Amino acid sequence: MSPRELAVRYGFLVLFAALVIYFALAAPGFVSPQSAVFVFQSVAITGVLALGVTATLVVGGFDLSIGSVATSSMMAAAYAMVVLDQGVFVAVAACLAIGIIVGLINGFLIVYMRVPDLLATLGMMFLLVGLQRIPTEGRSIAAGMTMPDGSVAPGKFSEAFLTLGRHRFDFFTPNLVPVSVVVLIVLAVLIWFFLEYTRFGRMMYAVGSNERAAELAGAPVKAYKIWAYVISGIFASIGGILLAARLGRGDIASGNNLLLDAVAAALIGFAVLGASKPNAFGTAIGALFVGVLLQGLTMMNAPYYTQDFVKGAVLVVALVFTFALSAKAKR
């Protein structure tokens, strides 16, 4: 294996290891259980959304609405429990319904209306951002809040629901692994197995690599593409459920960075082990990378306005490993 091929295959992992070592030396307390908890918490929701983005990337699409779907699901869960005084099952069902409906609408617009995926999902993003604020006239939702008509919201967040975002399991150290991380691991394994080892998943890759050839081979290309957006919507709604459970309120501003972080994780996944394609394992590693990067910058007291710049620079480096070096290595 040539040095260039080694760089393509292992360069990103070396970069990741170097980043961890740098933060461990430069930021006191970075290597600690408390720091690990913060990294895990930041990784969980971003990772779940990124796995949904990965499903659309597999079929050659892209979903810009995942952040707004997650935020809308969070607001729906809060509205169901706090305003409508419903239980955890109704709240979760409402969130999943939002993800499925949005995924179907995105898929319909892209497949049957021939709207480019970026434009269709961008329009859906703006639609949801406005729609989620209408019931409360732009207010966040919390127990005991005053509604626009002057009444007081009768409900509160279910303890069972809050467990999804706040409970932690013992792992080497007490209260180290949040439930949301377990959810991420389970979903990552499921989507990895689905994409790599099932006929449906392999056909999704076939659609993404050459849609015309897959269509000529008799594959129901339109169905596969729609299902990809439904999967993305479901994963985004699960991310919204976890976010609502962690915050214990419906905060309209809490999902502002979800889209960028999730997209970064999914694209960084292209560089993991030289995959050069969307894949669940790479996406999970990419989400962990983003979490470590943000935690390290925070512990070094880096100004908040520099974090997006650093993330962008790292993403560019990862894409260089993926496309520029791999293209040269194949010559």
Protein backbone atom coordinates (compact mmCIF):
# COMPACT_ATOMS: atom_id res chain seq x y z
CA MET A 1 0.00 0.00 0.00
CA SER A 2 1.48 3.34 -1.08
CA PRO A 3 1.90 6.31 1.31
CA ARG A 4 -0.95 8.09 -0.47
CA GLU A 5 -3.27 5.10 -0.05
CA LEU A 6 -2.30 4.91 3.62
CA ALA A 7 -3.11 8.60 4.00
CA VAL A 8 -6.51 8.10 2.39
CA ARG A 9 -7.37 5.09 4.53
CA TYR A 10 -5.97 6.09 7.91
CA GLY A 11 -5.27 9.81 7.65
CA PHE A 12 -8.50 10.90 9.27
CA LEU A 13 -8.12 8.47 12.17
CA VAL A 14 -4.59 9.79 12.73
CA LEU A 15 -6.01 13.32 12.70
CA PHE A 16 -8.65 12.27 15.22
CA ALA A 17 -6.07 10.70 17.54
CA ALA A 18 -3.86 13.79 17.26
CA LEU A 19 -6.82 16.01 18.16
CA VAL A 20 -7.59 13.96 21.29
CA ILE A 21 -3.93 14.02 22.37
CA TYR A 22 -3.71 17.78 21.79
CA PHE A 23 -6.81 18.53 23.86
CA ALA A 24 -5.66 16.13 26.59
CA LEU A 25 -2.42 18.10 26.91
CA ALA A 26 -3.78 21.60 26.33
CA ALA A 27 -7.07 21.47 28.25
CA PRO A 28 -6.86 20.33 31.89
CA GLY A 29 -9.72 17.98 32.69
CA PHE A 30 -10.40 16.99 29.09
CA VAL A 31 -9.63 13.36 29.88
CA SER A 32 -12.18 12.90 32.66
CA PRO A 33 -15.55 11.20 33.17
CA GLN A 34 -17.33 14.57 33.30
CA SER A 35 -15.85 15.62 29.98
CA ALA A 36 -16.80 12.26 28.49
CA VAL A 37 -20.42 12.77 29.58
CA PHE A 38 -20.55 16.15 27.85
CA VAL A 39 -19.05 14.67 24.68
CA PHE A 40 -21.51 11.77 24.74
CA GLN A 41 -24.47 14.09 25.23
CA SER A 42 -23.44 16.36 22.38
CA VAL A 43 -22.72 13.39 20.12
CA ALA A 44 -25.99 11.55 20.69
CA ILE A 45 -28.49 13.92 19.10
CA THR A 46 -26.12 15.08 16.38
CA GLY A 47 -25.29 11.47 15.56
CA VAL A 48 -28.91 10.40 15.29
CA LEU A 49 -29.68 13.23 12.87
CA ALA A 50 -26.50 12.53 10.91
CA LEU A 51 -27.52 8.90 10.44
CA GLY A 52 -30.74 10.17 8.86
CA VAL A 53 -28.77 12.43 6.53
CA THR A 54 -26.62 9.42 5.62
CA ALA A 55 -29.70 7.53 4.39
CA THR A 56 -30.49 10.34 1.93
CA LEU A 57 -26.86 10.64 0.84
CA VAL A 58 -26.86 6.92 0.04
CA VAL A 59 -29.54 7.42 -2.64
CA GLY A 60 -27.81 10.50 -4.01
CA GLY A 61 -29.99 13.01 -2.18
CA PHE A 62 -29.63 15.46 0.67
CA ASP A 63 -31.93 16.54 3.48
CA LEU A 64 -31.66 20.10 4.79
CA SER A 65 -34.86 19.83 6.85
CA ILE A 66 -33.53 17.51 9.58
CA GLY A 67 -32.78 20.28 12.05
CA SER A 68 -36.24 21.81 11.72
CA VAL A 69 -37.87 18.35 11.91
CA ALA A 70 -36.00 17.70 15.17
CA THR A 71 -37.00 21.07 16.59
CA SER A 72 -40.62 20.63 15.47
CA SER A 73 -40.69 17.20 17.13
CA MET A 74 -39.31 18.69 20.31
CA MET A 75 -41.99 21.40 20.29
CA ALA A 76 -44.70 18.82 19.49
CA ALA A 77 -43.65 16.65 22.43
CA ALA A 78 -43.67 19.66 24.74
CA TYR A 79 -47.03 20.85 23.42
CA ALA A 80 -48.61 17.41 23.79
CA MET A 81 -47.51 16.95 27.41
CA VAL A 82 -47.55 20.52 28.75
CA VAL A 83 -50.42 22.15 26.86
CA LEU A 84 -52.63 19.16 26.00
CA ASP A 85 -51.75 17.25 29.21
CA GLN A 86 -51.12 13.99 27.34
CA GLY A 87 -48.85 11.11 28.27
CA VAL A 88 -45.49 9.99 26.97
CA PHE A 89 -46.91 7.62 24.33
CA VAL A 90 -49.01 10.33 22.69
CA ALA A 91 -46.03 12.69 22.69
CA VAL A 92 -43.67 10.14 21.14
CA ALA A 93 -46.28 9.10 18.56
CA ALA A 94 -46.83 12.74 17.56
CA CYS A 95 -43.10 13.23 17.07
CA LEU A 96 -42.69 10.12 14.95
CA ALA A 97 -45.75 11.07 12.90
CA ILE A 98 -44.14 14.43 12.12
CA GLY A 99 -40.96 12.72 10.93
CA ILE A 100 -42.84 10.26 8.73
CA ILE A 101 -45.15 12.90 7.20
CA VAL A 102 -42.29 15.31 6.48
CA GLY A 103 -40.24 12.49 4.96
CA LEU A 104 -43.12 11.49 2.70
CA ILE A 105 -43.72 15.08 1.60
CA ASN A 106 -40.01 15.62 0.89
CA GLY A 107 -39.85 12.38 -1.06
CA PHE A 108 -42.99 13.23 -3.05
CA LEU A 109 -41.70 16.69 -3.97
CA ILE A 110 -38.32 15.32 -5.04
CA VAL A 111 -39.43 12.16 -6.83
CA TYR A 112 -42.76 13.09 -8.41
CA MET A 113 -42.67 16.89 -8.58
CA ARG A 114 -39.04 16.87 -9.79
CA VAL A 115 -38.04 19.56 -7.27
CA PRO A 116 -34.27 19.41 -6.58
CA ASP A 117 -33.61 17.85 -3.18
CA LEU A 118 -31.81 20.90 -1.79
CA LEU A 119 -34.66 23.22 -2.74
CA ALA A 120 -37.43 20.89 -1.56
CA THR A 121 -35.87 20.26 1.84
CA LEU A 122 -34.83 23.90 2.21
CA GLY A 123 -38.44 24.96 1.64
CA MET A 124 -39.60 22.37 4.15
CA MET A 125 -37.07 23.67 6.65
CA PHE A 126 -38.46 27.22 6.47
CA LEU A 127 -42.04 25.94 6.55
CA LEU A 128 -41.42 23.97 9.74
CA VAL A 129 -39.50 26.80 11.40
CA GLY A 130 -42.58 29.00 11.01
CA LEU A 131 -45.15 26.30 11.70
CA GLN A 132 -43.68 25.20 15.04
CA ARG A 133 -44.03 28.74 16.44
CA ILE A 134 -47.66 29.35 15.50
CA PRO A 135 -49.44 27.45 18.34
CA THR A 136 -47.64 29.41 21.08
CA GLU A 137 -47.07 32.63 19.09
CA GLY A 138 -43.31 32.11 19.10
CA ARG A 139 -42.95 31.28 22.80
CA SER A 140 -41.01 28.37 24.24
CA ILE A 141 -43.06 25.73 26.06
CA ALA A 142 -42.52 24.95 29.74
CA ALA A 143 -44.63 23.65 32.60
CA GLY A 144 -46.84 26.36 34.11
CA MET A 145 -46.49 28.70 31.14
CA THR A 146 -49.14 31.24 30.29
CA MET A 147 -50.82 30.57 26.98
CA PRO A 148 -51.67 33.30 24.42
CA ASP A 149 -55.31 33.25 25.59
CA GLY A 150 -54.26 33.95 29.19
CA SER A 151 -54.80 30.41 30.53
CA VAL A 152 -52.12 28.39 32.29
CA ALA A 153 -50.84 25.22 30.67
CA PRO A 154 -52.24 22.30 32.72
CA GLY A 155 -49.63 19.61 32.07
CA LYS A 156 -45.97 18.86 32.63
CA PHE A 157 -43.25 16.64 31.22
CA SER A 158 -43.65 12.98 32.09
CA GLU A 159 -40.87 11.57 34.28
CA ALA A 160 -40.69 8.55 32.00
CA PHE A 161 -40.14 10.87 29.05
CA LEU A 162 -37.43 12.88 30.84
CA THR A 163 -35.60 9.62 31.58
CA LEU A 164 -34.81 9.35 27.87
CA GLY A 165 -32.69 12.48 28.05
CA ARG A 166 -31.42 12.56 31.62
CA HIS A 167 -30.82 9.03 32.89
CA ARG A 168 -27.26 7.72 32.79
CA PHE A 169 -25.91 4.20 32.99
CA ASP A 170 -22.85 3.12 34.96
CA PHE A 171 -19.90 2.27 32.72
CA PHE A 172 -16.52 2.14 34.48
CA THR A 173 -17.67 5.27 36.29
CA PRO A 174 -21.15 5.88 37.81
CA ASN A 175 -23.54 7.96 35.69
CA LEU A 176 -21.25 8.01 32.67
CA VAL A 177 -23.32 6.90 29.66
CA PRO A 178 -26.59 8.77 28.93
CA VAL A 179 -29.60 6.87 27.57
CA SER A 180 -29.37 8.97 24.41
CA VAL A 181 -25.94 7.49 23.66
CA VAL A 182 -27.36 3.97 23.95
CA VAL A 183 -30.12 5.01 21.54
CA LEU A 184 -27.48 6.33 19.13
CA ILE A 185 -25.46 3.11 19.28
CA VAL A 186 -28.53 0.95 18.70
CA LEU A 187 -29.69 3.07 15.76
CA ALA A 188 -26.19 3.18 14.27
CA VAL A 189 -25.90 -0.62 14.39
CA LEU A 190 -29.37 -1.03 12.90
CA ILE A 191 -28.84 1.39 10.02
CA TRP A 192 -25.34 -0.01 9.37
CA PHE A 193 -26.70 -3.55 9.14
CA PHE A 194 -29.64 -2.37 7.06
CA LEU A 195 -27.49 -0.55 4.51
CA GLU A 196 -24.66 -3.06 4.27
CA TYR A 197 -26.32 -6.46 4.65
CA THR A 198 -29.91 -6.23 3.41
CA ARG A 199 -31.08 -6.23 -0.18
CA PHE A 200 -33.04 -3.04 0.41
CA GLY A 201 -29.94 -1.24 1.69
CA ARG A 202 -27.72 -2.47 -1.14
CA MET A 203 -30.32 -1.34 -3.66
CA MET A 204 -30.31 2.10 -2.04
CA TYR A 205 -26.56 2.27 -2.69
CA ALA A 206 -27.19 1.14 -6.27
CA VAL A 207 -29.72 3.95 -6.75
CA GLY A 208 -27.26 6.48 -5.39
CA SER A 209 -24.33 5.31 -7.51
CA ASN A 210 -26.24 5.03 -10.80
CA GLU A 211 -29.95 5.77 -10.70
CA ARG A 212 -30.49 5.11 -14.39
CA ALA A 213 -28.79 1.70 -14.28
CA ALA A 214 -30.81 0.71 -11.20
CA GLU A 215 -34.00 1.73 -12.99
CA LEU A 216 -33.10 -0.30 -16.07
CA ALA A 217 -32.41 -3.28 -13.81
CA GLY A 218 -36.01 -3.11 -12.63
CA ALA A 219 -35.46 -1.53 -9.22
CA PRO A 220 -38.31 0.67 -7.91
CA VAL A 221 -36.06 3.71 -7.75
CA LYS A 222 -38.79 6.14 -6.71
CA ALA A 223 -39.80 3.97 -3.73
CA TYR A 224 -36.20 3.66 -2.54
CA LYS A 225 -35.67 7.41 -2.68
CA ILE A 226 -38.90 8.17 -0.83
CA TRP A 227 -38.02 5.62 1.85
CA ALA A 228 -34.64 7.30 2.31
CA TYR A 229 -36.35 10.58 3.18
CA VAL A 230 -38.82 8.82 5.46
CA ILE A 231 -35.89 7.23 7.32
CA SER A 232 -34.27 10.66 7.58
CA GLY A 233 -37.49 12.15 8.95
CA ILE A 234 -37.90 9.37 11.53
CA PHE A 235 -34.31 9.74 12.75
CA ALA A 236 -34.72 13.52 12.97
CA SER A 237 -37.89 13.10 15.04
CA ILE A 238 -36.07 10.69 17.37
CA GLY A 239 -33.39 13.35 17.76
CA GLY A 240 -36.12 15.85 18.66
CA ILE A 241 -37.52 13.47 21.27
CA LEU A 242 -34.09 13.10 22.87
CA LEU A 243 -33.57 16.87 22.81
CA ALA A 244 -36.94 17.55 24.45
CA ALA A 245 -36.25 14.90 27.10
CA ARG A 246 -32.86 16.41 27.89
CA LEU A 247 -34.07 20.03 28.11
CA GLY A 248 -37.44 19.37 29.76
CA ARG A 249 -38.98 22.17 27.72
CA GLY A 250 -39.77 23.14 24.17
CA ASP A 251 -37.12 25.71 23.32
CA ILE A 252 -37.56 27.20 19.85
CA ALA A 253 -33.89 28.24 19.65
CA SER A 254 -32.28 25.00 20.85
CA GLY A 255 -31.96 23.33 17.45
CA ASN A 256 -30.16 26.11 15.62
CA ASN A 257 -26.87 24.22 15.17
CA LEU A 258 -28.27 20.72 14.72
CA LEU A 259 -28.31 20.85 10.93
CA LEU A 260 -24.73 22.04 10.50
CA ASP A 261 -23.29 19.61 13.04
CA ALA A 262 -25.23 16.65 11.63
CA VAL A 263 -24.24 17.43 8.05
CA ALA A 264 -20.61 17.83 9.12
CA ALA A 265 -20.69 14.43 10.86
CA ALA A 266 -22.24 12.72 7.83
CA LEU A 267 -19.75 14.24 5.39
CA ILE A 268 -16.76 13.57 7.65
CA GLY A 269 -17.90 9.93 7.60
CA PHE A 270 -16.83 9.77 3.94
CA ALA A 271 -13.20 10.05 5.08
CA VAL A 272 -13.24 7.32 7.74
CA LEU A 273 -11.15 4.35 6.60
CA GLY A 274 -11.16 5.75 3.07
CA ALA A 275 -14.81 4.77 2.51
CA SER A 276 -15.40 7.62 0.03
CA LYS A 277 -19.13 7.02 0.36
CA PRO A 278 -21.89 7.63 2.92
CA ASN A 279 -21.82 4.95 5.60
CA ALA A 280 -23.24 4.54 9.09
CA PHE A 281 -19.95 3.64 10.79
CA GLY A 282 -18.16 6.66 9.36
CA THR A 283 -21.06 8.91 10.32
CA ALA A 284 -20.94 7.70 13.94
CA ILE A 285 -17.18 8.37 14.05
CA GLY A 286 -17.78 11.76 12.44
CA ALA A 287 -20.33 12.66 15.11
CA LEU A 288 -17.86 11.63 17.82
CA PHE A 289 -15.20 13.74 16.15
CA VAL A 290 -17.47 16.80 16.12
CA GLY A 291 -18.33 16.23 19.80
CA VAL A 292 -14.68 15.93 20.82
CA LEU A 293 -13.78 19.02 18.80
CA LEU A 294 -16.50 21.18 20.36
CA GLN A 295 -15.80 19.93 23.88
CA GLY A 296 -12.08 20.58 23.50
CA LEU A 297 -12.61 24.08 22.14
CA THR A 298 -15.06 24.85 24.94
CA MET A 299 -12.64 23.65 27.64
CA MET A 300 -9.88 25.78 26.09
CA ASN A 301 -12.21 28.79 26.35
CA ALA A 302 -12.15 29.33 22.60
CA PRO A 303 -14.58 32.12 21.60
CA TYR A 304 -17.89 30.70 20.46
CA TYR A 305 -17.69 32.56 17.17
CA THR A 306 -14.55 30.63 16.18
CA GLN A 307 -16.09 27.19 16.59
CA ASP A 308 -17.94 27.13 13.27
CA PHE A 309 -14.75 28.26 11.52
CA VAL A 310 -12.77 25.42 13.08
CA LYS A 311 -15.50 22.90 12.21
CA GLY A 312 -15.49 24.14 8.63
CA ALA A 313 -11.71 23.86 8.38
CA VAL A 314 -11.78 20.31 9.73
CA LEU A 315 -14.56 19.38 7.32
CA VAL A 316 -12.51 20.68 4.39
CA VAL A 317 -9.51 18.60 5.52
CA ALA A 318 -11.72 15.50 5.85
CA LEU A 319 -13.14 16.02 2.34
CA VAL A 320 -9.62 16.42 0.96
CA PHE A 321 -8.79 13.00 2.42
CA THR A 322 -11.97 11.66 0.85
CA PHE A 323 -11.93 13.03 -2.66
CA ALA A 324 -8.66 14.70 -3.67
CA LEU A 325 -6.24 12.12 -2.28
CA SER A 326 -8.43 9.11 -3.06
CA ALA A 327 -8.84 10.25 -6.68
CA LYS A 328 -5.05 10.48 -7.06
CA ALA A 329 -4.56 7.12 -5.34
CA LYS A 330 -6.84 5.43 -7.91
CA ARG A 331 -4.89 6.75 -10.89
